[in-house]
Amino acid sequence: MGKFFLSAPGEGFPPNGRTFAQEIAAALNRASVESAVHVKTVAGWTGANERTVKNWFAGTYGPNGEHLLILARHCDQVLDAMIVMMGRRELLVGHRVADIERRVRELADALGALNAD
């Protein structure tokens, strides 16, 4: 059984009724599909042991403290899940714009490198 959080009447937390650990697991699994983020990668980022990280991916337990912050720093899907769980969806737009700007810069650099050859 995961931790559920107290919220205002009529509002569940996390919003869809899943536990915090399940929300983070869903985000990690999306990252695994979209960005090839796997257990060893997450363990390397956070310094957590692989068994712990496997529990995060399974939704058995969720990361906390420094591990959660490090995950959000490295994994956009986890950051997005945290923003949604905090009820701050409006922040997703700014986060996504920054990501698009970063990708455009990377593309421009790659095109510049091709043209230089």
PDB file of N, CA and C in Angstrom:
ATOM      1  N   MET A   1       0.850  -1.182   0.000  1.00  0.00           N
ATOM      2  CA  MET A   1       0.000   0.000   0.000  1.00  0.00           C
ATOM      3  C   MET A   1       0.887   1.233   0.000  1.00  0.00           C
ATOM      4  N   GLY A   2       0.602   2.168  -0.841  1.00  0.00           N
ATOM      5  CA  GLY A   2       1.402   3.384  -0.943  1.00  0.00           C
ATOM      6  C   GLY A   2       0.831   4.492  -0.096  1.00  0.00           C
ATOM      7  N   LYS A   3       1.551   5.568  -0.053  1.00  0.00           N
ATOM      8  CA  LYS A   3       1.117   6.726   0.715  1.00  0.00           C
ATOM      9  C   LYS A   3       0.163   7.573  -0.112  1.00  0.00           C
ATOM     10  N   PHE A   4      -0.945   7.897   0.485  1.00  0.00           N
ATOM     11  CA  PHE A   4      -1.870   8.857  -0.109  1.00  0.00           C
ATOM     12  C   PHE A   4      -1.776  10.115   0.733  1.00  0.00           C
ATOM     13  N   PHE A   5      -1.998  11.251   0.124  1.00  0.00           N
ATOM     14  CA  PHE A   5      -1.841  12.509   0.819  1.00  0.00           C
ATOM     15  C   PHE A   5      -3.189  13.154   1.063  1.00  0.00           C
ATOM     16  N   LEU A   6      -3.292  13.881   2.165  1.00  0.00           N
ATOM     17  CA  LEU A   6      -4.510  14.621   2.452  1.00  0.00           C
ATOM     18  C   LEU A   6      -4.645  15.747   1.450  1.00  0.00           C
ATOM     19  N   SER A   7      -5.862  16.023   1.050  1.00  0.00           N
ATOM     20  CA  SER A   7      -6.091  17.101   0.091  1.00  0.00           C
ATOM     21  C   SER A   7      -7.415  17.764   0.421  1.00  0.00           C
ATOM     22  N   ALA A   8      -7.709  18.803  -0.313  1.00  0.00           N
ATOM     23  CA  ALA A   8      -8.976  19.507  -0.115  1.00  0.00           C
ATOM     24  C   ALA A   8     -10.133  18.563  -0.424  1.00  0.00           C
ATOM     25  N   PRO A   9     -11.297  18.781   0.206  1.00  0.00           N
ATOM     26  CA  PRO A   9     -12.452  17.930  -0.070  1.00  0.00           C
ATOM     27  C   PRO A   9     -12.767  17.904  -1.562  1.00  0.00           C
ATOM     28  N   GLY A  10     -12.993  16.691  -2.071  1.00  0.00           N
ATOM     29  CA  GLY A  10     -13.329  16.545  -3.480  1.00  0.00           C
ATOM     30  C   GLY A  10     -12.124  16.446  -4.396  1.00  0.00           C
ATOM     31  N   GLU A  11     -10.926  16.612  -3.840  1.00  0.00           N
ATOM     32  CA  GLU A  11      -9.709  16.518  -4.641  1.00  0.00           C
ATOM     33  C   GLU A  11      -8.870  15.359  -4.127  1.00  0.00           C
ATOM     34  N   GLY A  12      -8.488  14.475  -5.008  1.00  0.00           N
ATOM     35  CA  GLY A  12      -7.586  13.404  -4.628  1.00  0.00           C
ATOM     36  C   GLY A  12      -6.151  13.841  -4.838  1.00  0.00           C
ATOM     37  N   PHE A  13      -5.223  13.202  -4.157  1.00  0.00           N
ATOM     38  CA  PHE A  13      -3.817  13.475  -4.394  1.00  0.00           C
ATOM     39  C   PHE A  13      -3.075  12.160  -4.348  1.00  0.00           C
ATOM     40  N   PRO A  14      -2.327  11.845  -5.350  1.00  0.00           N
ATOM     41  CA  PRO A  14      -2.254  12.518  -6.634  1.00  0.00           C
ATOM     42  C   PRO A  14      -3.615  12.577  -7.318  1.00  0.00           C
ATOM     43  N   PRO A  15      -3.759  13.489  -8.287  1.00  0.00           N
ATOM     44  CA  PRO A  15      -5.071  13.781  -8.872  1.00  0.00           C
ATOM     45  C   PRO A  15      -5.835  12.584  -9.408  1.00  0.00           C
ATOM     46  N   ASN A  16      -5.166  11.578  -9.963  1.00  0.00           N
ATOM     47  CA  ASN A  16      -5.900  10.459 -10.555  1.00  0.00           C
ATOM     48  C   ASN A  16      -6.109   9.297  -9.592  1.00  0.00           C
ATOM     49  N   GLY A  17      -5.758   9.471  -8.328  1.00  0.00           N
ATOM     50  CA  GLY A  17      -6.020   8.444  -7.329  1.00  0.00           C
ATOM     51  C   GLY A  17      -4.912   7.418  -7.163  1.00  0.00           C
ATOM     52  N   ARG A  18      -3.886   7.477  -7.986  1.00  0.00           N
ATOM     53  CA  ARG A  18      -2.764   6.564  -7.798  1.00  0.00           C
ATOM     54  C   ARG A  18      -1.897   7.086  -6.654  1.00  0.00           C
ATOM     55  N   THR A  19      -1.073   6.218  -6.110  1.00  0.00           N
ATOM     56  CA  THR A  19      -0.153   6.652  -5.060  1.00  0.00           C
ATOM     57  C   THR A  19       0.990   7.451  -5.672  1.00  0.00           C
ATOM     58  N   PHE A  20       1.694   8.166  -4.831  1.00  0.00           N
ATOM     59  CA  PHE A  20       2.877   8.905  -5.262  1.00  0.00           C
ATOM     60  C   PHE A  20       3.848   7.961  -5.967  1.00  0.00           C
ATOM     61  N   ALA A  21       4.114   6.808  -5.351  1.00  0.00           N
ATOM     62  CA  ALA A  21       5.054   5.845  -5.933  1.00  0.00           C
ATOM     63  C   ALA A  21       4.587   5.381  -7.306  1.00  0.00           C
ATOM     64  N   GLN A  22       3.286   5.169  -7.470  1.00  0.00           N
ATOM     65  CA  GLN A  22       2.750   4.748  -8.768  1.00  0.00           C
ATOM     66  C   GLN A  22       2.897   5.843  -9.815  1.00  0.00           C
ATOM     67  N   GLU A  23       2.718   7.089  -9.415  1.00  0.00           N
ATOM     68  CA  GLU A  23       2.887   8.217 -10.346  1.00  0.00           C
ATOM     69  C   GLU A  23       4.334   8.315 -10.822  1.00  0.00           C
ATOM     70  N   ILE A  24       5.267   8.200  -9.896  1.00  0.00           N
ATOM     71  CA  ILE A  24       6.686   8.276 -10.261  1.00  0.00           C
ATOM     72  C   ILE A  24       7.060   7.074 -11.121  1.00  0.00           C
ATOM     73  N   ALA A  25       6.531   5.895 -10.782  1.00  0.00           N
ATOM     74  CA  ALA A  25       6.799   4.701 -11.592  1.00  0.00           C
ATOM     75  C   ALA A  25       6.293   4.889 -13.018  1.00  0.00           C
ATOM     76  N   ALA A  26       5.097   5.439 -13.167  1.00  0.00           N
ATOM     77  CA  ALA A  26       4.553   5.683 -14.510  1.00  0.00           C
ATOM     78  C   ALA A  26       5.457   6.638 -15.276  1.00  0.00           C
ATOM     79  N   ALA A  27       5.953   7.675 -14.608  1.00  0.00           N
ATOM     80  CA  ALA A  27       6.855   8.639 -15.254  1.00  0.00           C
ATOM     81  C   ALA A  27       8.164   7.963 -15.656  1.00  0.00           C
ATOM     82  N   LEU A  28       8.725   7.151 -14.772  1.00  0.00           N
ATOM     83  CA  LEU A  28       9.972   6.458 -15.096  1.00  0.00           C
ATOM     84  C   LEU A  28       9.780   5.489 -16.254  1.00  0.00           C
ATOM     85  N   ASN A  29       8.650   4.810 -16.274  1.00  0.00           N
ATOM     86  CA  ASN A  29       8.394   3.873 -17.370  1.00  0.00           C
ATOM     87  C   ASN A  29       8.175   4.599 -18.694  1.00  0.00           C
ATOM     88  N   ARG A  30       7.543   5.776 -18.663  1.00  0.00           N
ATOM     89  CA  ARG A  30       7.437   6.594 -19.884  1.00  0.00           C
ATOM     90  C   ARG A  30       8.827   7.011 -20.350  1.00  0.00           C
ATOM     91  N   ALA A  31       9.671   7.412 -19.414  1.00  0.00           N
ATOM     92  CA  ALA A  31      11.040   7.815 -19.753  1.00  0.00           C
ATOM     93  C   ALA A  31      11.816   6.643 -20.338  1.00  0.00           C
ATOM     94  N   SER A  32      11.549   5.446 -19.836  1.00  0.00           N
ATOM     95  CA  SER A  32      12.218   4.258 -20.347  1.00  0.00           C
ATOM     96  C   SER A  32      11.884   4.040 -21.817  1.00  0.00           C
ATOM     97  N   VAL A  33      10.622   4.249 -22.173  1.00  0.00           N
ATOM     98  CA  VAL A  33      10.179   4.075 -23.559  1.00  0.00           C
ATOM     99  C   VAL A  33      10.641   5.239 -24.434  1.00  0.00           C
ATOM    100  N   GLU A  34      10.457   6.465 -23.957  1.00  0.00           N
ATOM    101  CA  GLU A  34      10.717   7.658 -24.769  1.00  0.00           C
ATOM    102  C   GLU A  34      12.196   8.012 -24.870  1.00  0.00           C
ATOM    103  N   SER A  35      12.948   7.766 -23.823  1.00  0.00           N
ATOM    104  CA  SER A  35      14.320   8.278 -23.767  1.00  0.00           C
ATOM    105  C   SER A  35      15.358   7.226 -23.401  1.00  0.00           C
ATOM    106  N   ALA A  36      14.983   5.967 -23.402  1.00  0.00           N
ATOM    107  CA  ALA A  36      15.905   4.879 -23.059  1.00  0.00           C
ATOM    108  C   ALA A  36      16.523   5.062 -21.667  1.00  0.00           C
ATOM    109  N   VAL A  37      15.721   5.537 -20.725  1.00  0.00           N
ATOM    110  CA  VAL A  37      16.160   5.656 -19.331  1.00  0.00           C
ATOM    111  C   VAL A  37      15.852   4.322 -18.655  1.00  0.00           C
ATOM    112  N   HIS A  38      16.879   3.691 -18.105  1.00  0.00           N
ATOM    113  CA  HIS A  38      16.708   2.377 -17.496  1.00  0.00           C
ATOM    114  C   HIS A  38      17.243   2.376 -16.065  1.00  0.00           C
ATOM    115  N   VAL A  39      17.093   1.247 -15.400  1.00  0.00           N
ATOM    116  CA  VAL A  39      17.460   1.122 -13.992  1.00  0.00           C
ATOM    117  C   VAL A  39      18.904   1.553 -13.752  1.00  0.00           C
ATOM    118  N   LYS A  40      19.834   1.055 -14.552  1.00  0.00           N
ATOM    119  CA  LYS A  40      21.248   1.399 -14.342  1.00  0.00           C
ATOM    120  C   LYS A  40      21.495   2.898 -14.520  1.00  0.00           C
ATOM    121  N   THR A  41      20.803   3.508 -15.469  1.00  0.00           N
ATOM    122  CA  THR A  41      20.947   4.950 -15.688  1.00  0.00           C
ATOM    123  C   THR A  41      20.486   5.719 -14.458  1.00  0.00           C
ATOM    124  N   VAL A  42      19.299   5.373 -13.964  1.00  0.00           N
ATOM    125  CA  VAL A  42      18.738   6.062 -12.797  1.00  0.00           C
ATOM    126  C   VAL A  42      19.611   5.823 -11.567  1.00  0.00           C
ATOM    127  N   ALA A  43      20.100   4.603 -11.407  1.00  0.00           N
ATOM    128  CA  ALA A  43      20.988   4.306 -10.279  1.00  0.00           C
ATOM    129  C   ALA A  43      22.259   5.158 -10.365  1.00  0.00           C
ATOM    130  N   GLY A  44      22.771   5.334 -11.568  1.00  0.00           N
ATOM    131  CA  GLY A  44      23.953   6.173 -11.753  1.00  0.00           C
ATOM    132  C   GLY A  44      23.692   7.627 -11.417  1.00  0.00           C
ATOM    133  N   TRP A  45      22.534   8.126 -11.834  1.00  0.00           N
ATOM    134  CA  TRP A  45      22.185   9.517 -11.528  1.00  0.00           C
ATOM    135  C   TRP A  45      22.085   9.758 -10.034  1.00  0.00           C
ATOM    136  N   THR A  46      21.368   8.843  -9.356  1.00  0.00           N
ATOM    137  CA  THR A  46      20.973   9.089  -7.969  1.00  0.00           C
ATOM    138  C   THR A  46      21.934   8.526  -6.934  1.00  0.00           C
ATOM    139  N   GLY A  47      22.723   7.529  -7.320  1.00  0.00           N
ATOM    140  CA  GLY A  47      23.571   6.850  -6.348  1.00  0.00           C
ATOM    141  C   GLY A  47      22.814   5.806  -5.545  1.00  0.00           C
ATOM    142  N   ALA A  48      21.542   5.596  -5.864  1.00  0.00           N
ATOM    143  CA  ALA A  48      20.747   4.566  -5.186  1.00  0.00           C
ATOM    144  C   ALA A  48      21.129   3.197  -5.745  1.00  0.00           C
ATOM    145  N   ASN A  49      20.937   2.147  -4.948  1.00  0.00           N
ATOM    146  CA  ASN A  49      21.268   0.826  -5.468  1.00  0.00           C
ATOM    147  C   ASN A  49      20.189   0.365  -6.452  1.00  0.00           C
ATOM    148  N   GLU A  50      20.548  -0.584  -7.296  1.00  0.00           N
ATOM    149  CA  GLU A  50      19.646  -1.013  -8.371  1.00  0.00           C
ATOM    150  C   GLU A  50      18.349  -1.612  -7.835  1.00  0.00           C
ATOM    151  N   ARG A  51      18.417  -2.321  -6.714  1.00  0.00           N
ATOM    152  CA  ARG A  51      17.197  -2.911  -6.141  1.00  0.00           C
ATOM    153  C   ARG A  51      16.207  -1.806  -5.774  1.00  0.00           C
ATOM    154  N   THR A  52      16.703  -0.732  -5.182  1.00  0.00           N
ATOM    155  CA  THR A  52      15.859   0.409  -4.826  1.00  0.00           C
ATOM    156  C   THR A  52      15.239   1.017  -6.069  1.00  0.00           C
ATOM    157  N   VAL A  53      16.052   1.206  -7.104  1.00  0.00           N
ATOM    158  CA  VAL A  53      15.561   1.811  -8.344  1.00  0.00           C
ATOM    159  C   VAL A  53      14.517   0.909  -9.003  1.00  0.00           C
ATOM    160  N   LYS A  54      14.720  -0.408  -8.954  1.00  0.00           N
ATOM    161  CA  LYS A  54      13.720  -1.337  -9.503  1.00  0.00           C
ATOM    162  C   LYS A  54      12.391  -1.167  -8.775  1.00  0.00           C
ATOM    163  N   ASN A  55      12.442  -0.945  -7.459  1.00  0.00           N
ATOM    164  CA  ASN A  55      11.214  -0.700  -6.696  1.00  0.00           C
ATOM    165  C   ASN A  55      10.546   0.599  -7.136  1.00  0.00           C
ATOM    166  N   TRP A  56      11.337   1.618  -7.493  1.00  0.00           N
ATOM    167  CA  TRP A  56      10.763   2.867  -8.006  1.00  0.00           C
ATOM    168  C   TRP A  56      10.058   2.613  -9.334  1.00  0.00           C
ATOM    169  N   PHE A  57      10.699   1.864 -10.230  1.00  0.00           N
ATOM    170  CA  PHE A  57      10.099   1.555 -11.532  1.00  0.00           C
ATOM    171  C   PHE A  57       8.827   0.722 -11.371  1.00  0.00           C
ATOM    172  N   ALA A  58       8.787  -0.136 -10.356  1.00  0.00           N
ATOM    173  CA  ALA A  58       7.621  -0.989 -10.119  1.00  0.00           C
ATOM    174  C   ALA A  58       6.507  -0.261  -9.374  1.00  0.00           C
ATOM    175  N   GLY A  59       6.814   0.871  -8.769  1.00  0.00           N
ATOM    176  CA  GLY A  59       5.814   1.596  -7.991  1.00  0.00           C
ATOM    177  C   GLY A  59       5.631   1.042  -6.598  1.00  0.00           C
ATOM    178  N   THR A  60       6.536   0.165  -6.178  1.00  0.00           N
ATOM    179  CA  THR A  60       6.469  -0.398  -4.829  1.00  0.00           C
ATOM    180  C   THR A  60       6.782   0.675  -3.798  1.00  0.00           C
ATOM    181  N   TYR A  61       7.821   1.431  -4.070  1.00  0.00           N
ATOM    182  CA  TYR A  61       8.226   2.560  -3.241  1.00  0.00           C
ATOM    183  C   TYR A  61       8.544   3.721  -4.166  1.00  0.00           C
ATOM    184  N   GLY A  62       8.487   4.929  -3.628  1.00  0.00           N
ATOM    185  CA  GLY A  62       8.857   6.099  -4.413  1.00  0.00           C
ATOM    186  C   GLY A  62      10.116   6.731  -3.861  1.00  0.00           C
ATOM    187  N   PRO A  63      10.857   7.413  -4.707  1.00  0.00           N
ATOM    188  CA  PRO A  63      12.046   8.110  -4.237  1.00  0.00           C
ATOM    189  C   PRO A  63      11.656   9.297  -3.367  1.00  0.00           C
ATOM    190  N   ASN A  64      12.546   9.702  -2.489  1.00  0.00           N
ATOM    191  CA  ASN A  64      12.264  10.898  -1.696  1.00  0.00           C
ATOM    192  C   ASN A  64      13.528  11.724  -1.545  1.00  0.00           C
ATOM    193  N   GLY A  65      13.371  12.886  -1.010  1.00  0.00           N
ATOM    194  CA  GLY A  65      14.504  13.752  -0.718  1.00  0.00           C
ATOM    195  C   GLY A  65      15.397  14.003  -1.915  1.00  0.00           C
ATOM    196  N   GLU A  66      16.691  13.837  -1.687  1.00  0.00           N
ATOM    197  CA  GLU A  66      17.680  14.101  -2.733  1.00  0.00           C
ATOM    198  C   GLU A  66      17.449  13.252  -3.970  1.00  0.00           C
ATOM    199  N   HIS A  67      17.083  11.985  -3.771  1.00  0.00           N
ATOM    200  CA  HIS A  67      16.859  11.114  -4.927  1.00  0.00           C
ATOM    201  C   HIS A  67      15.756  11.665  -5.826  1.00  0.00           C
ATOM    202  N   LEU A  68      14.693  12.149  -5.233  1.00  0.00           N
ATOM    203  CA  LEU A  68      13.590  12.701  -6.016  1.00  0.00           C
ATOM    204  C   LEU A  68      14.034  13.951  -6.771  1.00  0.00           C
ATOM    205  N   LEU A  69      14.771  14.821  -6.107  1.00  0.00           N
ATOM    206  CA  LEU A  69      15.253  16.040  -6.763  1.00  0.00           C
ATOM    207  C   LEU A  69      16.211  15.723  -7.904  1.00  0.00           C
ATOM    208  N   ILE A  70      17.099  14.767  -7.695  1.00  0.00           N
ATOM    209  CA  ILE A  70      18.039  14.380  -8.752  1.00  0.00           C
ATOM    210  C   ILE A  70      17.283  13.789  -9.934  1.00  0.00           C
ATOM    211  N   LEU A  71      16.292  12.949  -9.652  1.00  0.00           N
ATOM    212  CA  LEU A  71      15.477  12.380 -10.741  1.00  0.00           C
ATOM    213  C   LEU A  71      14.791  13.475 -11.544  1.00  0.00           C
ATOM    214  N   ALA A  72      14.206  14.439 -10.855  1.00  0.00           N
ATOM    215  CA  ALA A  72      13.511  15.528 -11.545  1.00  0.00           C
ATOM    216  C   ALA A  72      14.490  16.363 -12.367  1.00  0.00           C
ATOM    217  N   ARG A  73      15.716  16.498 -11.903  1.00  0.00           N
ATOM    218  CA  ARG A  73      16.724  17.252 -12.649  1.00  0.00           C
ATOM    219  C   ARG A  73      17.081  16.544 -13.954  1.00  0.00           C
ATOM    220  N   HIS A  74      17.163  15.214 -13.917  1.00  0.00           N
ATOM    221  CA  HIS A  74      17.610  14.450 -15.080  1.00  0.00           C
ATOM    222  C   HIS A  74      16.479  13.945 -15.970  1.00  0.00           C
ATOM    223  N   CYS A  75      15.294  13.827 -15.436  1.00  0.00           N
ATOM    224  CA  CYS A  75      14.208  13.146 -16.151  1.00  0.00           C
ATOM    225  C   CYS A  75      12.991  14.062 -16.265  1.00  0.00           C
ATOM    226  N   ASP A  76      12.744  14.551 -17.476  1.00  0.00           N
ATOM    227  CA  ASP A  76      11.615  15.459 -17.697  1.00  0.00           C
ATOM    228  C   ASP A  76      10.279  14.829 -17.317  1.00  0.00           C
ATOM    229  N   GLN A  77      10.133  13.533 -17.543  1.00  0.00           N
ATOM    230  CA  GLN A  77       8.870  12.871 -17.232  1.00  0.00           C
ATOM    231  C   GLN A  77       8.591  12.893 -15.729  1.00  0.00           C
ATOM    232  N   VAL A  78       9.621  12.731 -14.919  1.00  0.00           N
ATOM    233  CA  VAL A  78       9.446  12.798 -13.459  1.00  0.00           C
ATOM    234  C   VAL A  78       9.116  14.227 -13.044  1.00  0.00           C
ATOM    235  N   LEU A  79       9.816  15.196 -13.612  1.00  0.00           N
ATOM    236  CA  LEU A  79       9.518  16.596 -13.301  1.00  0.00           C
ATOM    237  C   LEU A  79       8.074  16.929 -13.670  1.00  0.00           C
ATOM    238  N   ASP A  80       7.637  16.494 -14.856  1.00  0.00           N
ATOM    239  CA  ASP A  80       6.254  16.736 -15.273  1.00  0.00           C
ATOM    240  C   ASP A  80       5.263  16.100 -14.300  1.00  0.00           C
ATOM    241  N   ALA A  81       5.541  14.867 -13.876  1.00  0.00           N
ATOM    242  CA  ALA A  81       4.646  14.182 -12.934  1.00  0.00           C
ATOM    243  C   ALA A  81       4.570  14.944 -11.615  1.00  0.00           C
ATOM    244  N   MET A  82       5.702  15.447 -11.147  1.00  0.00           N
ATOM    245  CA  MET A  82       5.708  16.218  -9.901  1.00  0.00           C
ATOM    246  C   MET A  82       4.884  17.491 -10.046  1.00  0.00           C
ATOM    247  N   ILE A  83       5.042  18.183 -11.167  1.00  0.00           N
ATOM    248  CA  ILE A  83       4.292  19.418 -11.403  1.00  0.00           C
ATOM    249  C   ILE A  83       2.793  19.139 -11.406  1.00  0.00           C
ATOM    250  N   VAL A  84       2.384  18.065 -12.075  1.00  0.00           N
ATOM    251  CA  VAL A  84       0.958  17.707 -12.127  1.00  0.00           C
ATOM    252  C   VAL A  84       0.457  17.333 -10.734  1.00  0.00           C
ATOM    253  N   MET A  85       1.241  16.543  -9.986  1.00  0.00           N
ATOM    254  CA  MET A  85       0.815  16.146  -8.641  1.00  0.00           C
ATOM    255  C   MET A  85       0.691  17.348  -7.710  1.00  0.00           C
ATOM    256  N   MET A  86       1.474  18.386  -7.954  1.00  0.00           N
ATOM    257  CA  MET A  86       1.390  19.596  -7.131  1.00  0.00           C
ATOM    258  C   MET A  86       0.223  20.479  -7.546  1.00  0.00           C
ATOM    259  N   GLY A  87      -0.479  20.097  -8.613  1.00  0.00           N
ATOM    260  CA  GLY A  87      -1.600  20.903  -9.083  1.00  0.00           C
ATOM    261  C   GLY A  87      -1.154  22.186  -9.757  1.00  0.00           C
ATOM    262  N   ARG A  88       0.023  22.174 -10.374  1.00  0.00           N
ATOM    263  CA  ARG A  88       0.588  23.372 -10.995  1.00  0.00           C
ATOM    264  C   ARG A  88       0.793  23.162 -12.495  1.00  0.00           C
ATOM    265  N   ARG A  89      -0.218  22.631 -13.167  1.00  0.00           N
ATOM    266  CA  ARG A  89      -0.114  22.325 -14.602  1.00  0.00           C
ATOM    267  C   ARG A  89       0.360  23.506 -15.438  1.00  0.00           C
ATOM    268  N   GLU A  90       0.052  24.723 -15.006  1.00  0.00           N
ATOM    269  CA  GLU A  90       0.461  25.899 -15.777  1.00  0.00           C
ATOM    270  C   GLU A  90       1.986  25.983 -15.903  1.00  0.00           C
ATOM    271  N   LEU A  91       2.711  25.361 -14.992  1.00  0.00           N
ATOM    272  CA  LEU A  91       4.170  25.372 -15.058  1.00  0.00           C
ATOM    273  C   LEU A  91       4.714  24.447 -16.143  1.00  0.00           C
ATOM    274  N   LEU A  92       3.885  23.507 -16.602  1.00  0.00           N
ATOM    275  CA  LEU A  92       4.329  22.592 -17.654  1.00  0.00           C
ATOM    276  C   LEU A  92       4.683  23.339 -18.930  1.00  0.00           C
ATOM    277  N   VAL A  93       3.947  24.395 -19.232  1.00  0.00           N
ATOM    278  CA  VAL A  93       4.186  25.144 -20.465  1.00  0.00           C
ATOM    279  C   VAL A  93       5.600  25.713 -20.463  1.00  0.00           C
ATOM    280  N   GLY A  94       5.983  26.380 -19.386  1.00  0.00           N
ATOM    281  CA  GLY A  94       7.324  26.953 -19.302  1.00  0.00           C
ATOM    282  C   GLY A  94       8.404  25.897 -19.382  1.00  0.00           C
ATOM    283  N   HIS A  95       8.180  24.784 -18.708  1.00  0.00           N
ATOM    284  CA  HIS A  95       9.142  23.688 -18.720  1.00  0.00           C
ATOM    285  C   HIS A  95       9.289  23.132 -20.133  1.00  0.00           C
ATOM    286  N   ARG A  96       8.189  22.962 -20.823  1.00  0.00           N
ATOM    287  CA  ARG A  96       8.234  22.408 -22.182  1.00  0.00           C
ATOM    288  C   ARG A  96       8.833  23.388 -23.175  1.00  0.00           C
ATOM    289  N   VAL A  97       8.560  24.674 -23.011  1.00  0.00           N
ATOM    290  CA  VAL A  97       9.168  25.681 -23.891  1.00  0.00           C
ATOM    291  C   VAL A  97      10.687  25.647 -23.735  1.00  0.00           C
ATOM    292  N   ALA A  98      11.161  25.567 -22.510  1.00  0.00           N
ATOM    293  CA  ALA A  98      12.608  25.501 -22.269  1.00  0.00           C
ATOM    294  C   ALA A  98      13.202  24.256 -22.922  1.00  0.00           C
ATOM    295  N   ASP A  99      12.484  23.131 -22.855  1.00  0.00           N
ATOM    296  CA  ASP A  99      12.957  21.898 -23.481  1.00  0.00           C
ATOM    297  C   ASP A  99      13.010  22.052 -25.000  1.00  0.00           C
ATOM    298  N   ILE A 100      11.995  22.667 -25.582  1.00  0.00           N
ATOM    299  CA  ILE A 100      11.978  22.878 -27.034  1.00  0.00           C
ATOM    300  C   ILE A 100      13.129  23.793 -27.443  1.00  0.00           C
ATOM    301  N   GLU A 101      13.356  24.855 -26.684  1.00  0.00           N
ATOM    302  CA  GLU A 101      14.475  25.759 -26.983  1.00  0.00           C
ATOM    303  C   GLU A 101      15.807  25.015 -26.947  1.00  0.00           C
ATOM    304  N   ARG A 102      15.971  24.147 -25.958  1.00  0.00           N
ATOM    305  CA  ARG A 102      17.204  23.361 -25.851  1.00  0.00           C
ATOM    306  C   ARG A 102      17.365  22.458 -27.067  1.00  0.00           C
ATOM    307  N   ARG A 103      16.284  21.802 -27.473  1.00  0.00           N
ATOM    308  CA  ARG A 103      16.347  20.897 -28.629  1.00  0.00           C
ATOM    309  C   ARG A 103      16.634  21.653 -29.925  1.00  0.00           C
ATOM    310  N   VAL A 104      16.064  22.839 -30.073  1.00  0.00           N
ATOM    311  CA  VAL A 104      16.322  23.653 -31.266  1.00  0.00           C
ATOM    312  C   VAL A 104      17.797  24.051 -31.309  1.00  0.00           C
ATOM    313  N   ARG A 105      18.359  24.436 -30.162  1.00  0.00           N
ATOM    314  CA  ARG A 105      19.789  24.775 -30.112  1.00  0.00           C
ATOM    315  C   ARG A 105      20.649  23.579 -30.508  1.00  0.00           C
ATOM    316  N   GLU A 106      20.290  22.389 -29.984  1.00  0.00           N
ATOM    317  CA  GLU A 106      21.042  21.181 -30.330  1.00  0.00           C
ATOM    318  C   GLU A 106      20.952  20.893 -31.822  1.00  0.00           C
ATOM    319  N   LEU A 107      19.760  21.058 -32.394  1.00  0.00           N
ATOM    320  CA  LEU A 107      19.572  20.837 -33.823  1.00  0.00           C
ATOM    321  C   LEU A 107      20.385  21.842 -34.630  1.00  0.00           C
ATOM    322  N   ALA A 108      20.360  23.109 -34.232  1.00  0.00           N
ATOM    323  CA  ALA A 108      21.130  24.146 -34.929  1.00  0.00           C
ATOM    324  C   ALA A 108      22.625  23.840 -34.862  1.00  0.00           C
ATOM    325  N   ASP A 109      23.094  23.376 -33.709  1.00  0.00           N
ATOM    326  CA  ASP A 109      24.508  23.013 -33.575  1.00  0.00           C
ATOM    327  C   ASP A 109      24.858  21.843 -34.490  1.00  0.00           C
ATOM    328  N   ALA A 110      23.970  20.845 -34.539  1.00  0.00           N
ATOM    329  CA  ALA A 110      24.213  19.682 -35.398  1.00  0.00           C
ATOM    330  C   ALA A 110      24.226  20.084 -36.868  1.00  0.00           C
ATOM    331  N   LEU A 111      23.289  20.933 -37.266  1.00  0.00           N
ATOM    332  CA  LEU A 111      23.257  21.407 -38.652  1.00  0.00           C
ATOM    333  C   LEU A 111      24.496  22.240 -38.966  1.00  0.00           C
ATOM    334  N   GLY A 112      24.911  23.055 -38.025  1.00  0.00           N
ATOM    335  CA  GLY A 112      26.130  23.843 -38.209  1.00  0.00           C
ATOM    336  C   GLY A 112      27.348  22.956 -38.395  1.00  0.00           C
ATOM    337  N   ALA A 113      27.410  21.877 -37.640  1.00  0.00           N
ATOM    338  CA  ALA A 113      28.527  20.940 -37.761  1.00  0.00           C
ATOM    339  C   ALA A 113      28.507  20.249 -39.122  1.00  0.00           C
ATOM    340  N   LEU A 114      27.318  19.915 -39.618  1.00  0.00           N
ATOM    341  CA  LEU A 114      27.206  19.295 -40.947  1.00  0.00           C
ATOM    342  C   LEU A 114      27.651  20.256 -42.040  1.00  0.00           C
ATOM    343  N   ASN A 115      27.254  21.502 -41.926  1.00  0.00           N
ATOM    344  CA  ASN A 115      27.616  22.507 -42.927  1.00  0.00           C
ATOM    345  C   ASN A 115      29.104  22.826 -42.901  1.00  0.00           C
ATOM    346  N   ALA A 116      29.734  22.672 -41.748  1.00  0.00           N
ATOM    347  CA  ALA A 116      31.161  22.968 -41.622  1.00  0.00           C
ATOM    348  C   ALA A 116      32.014  21.917 -42.327  1.00  0.00           C
ATOM    349  N   ASP A 117      31.457  20.715 -42.472  1.00  0.00           N
ATOM    350  CA  ASP A 117      32.218  19.616 -43.113  1.00  0.00           C
ATOM    351  C   ASP A 117      32.268  19.736 -44.576  1.00  0.00           C
TER     352      ASP A 117
END
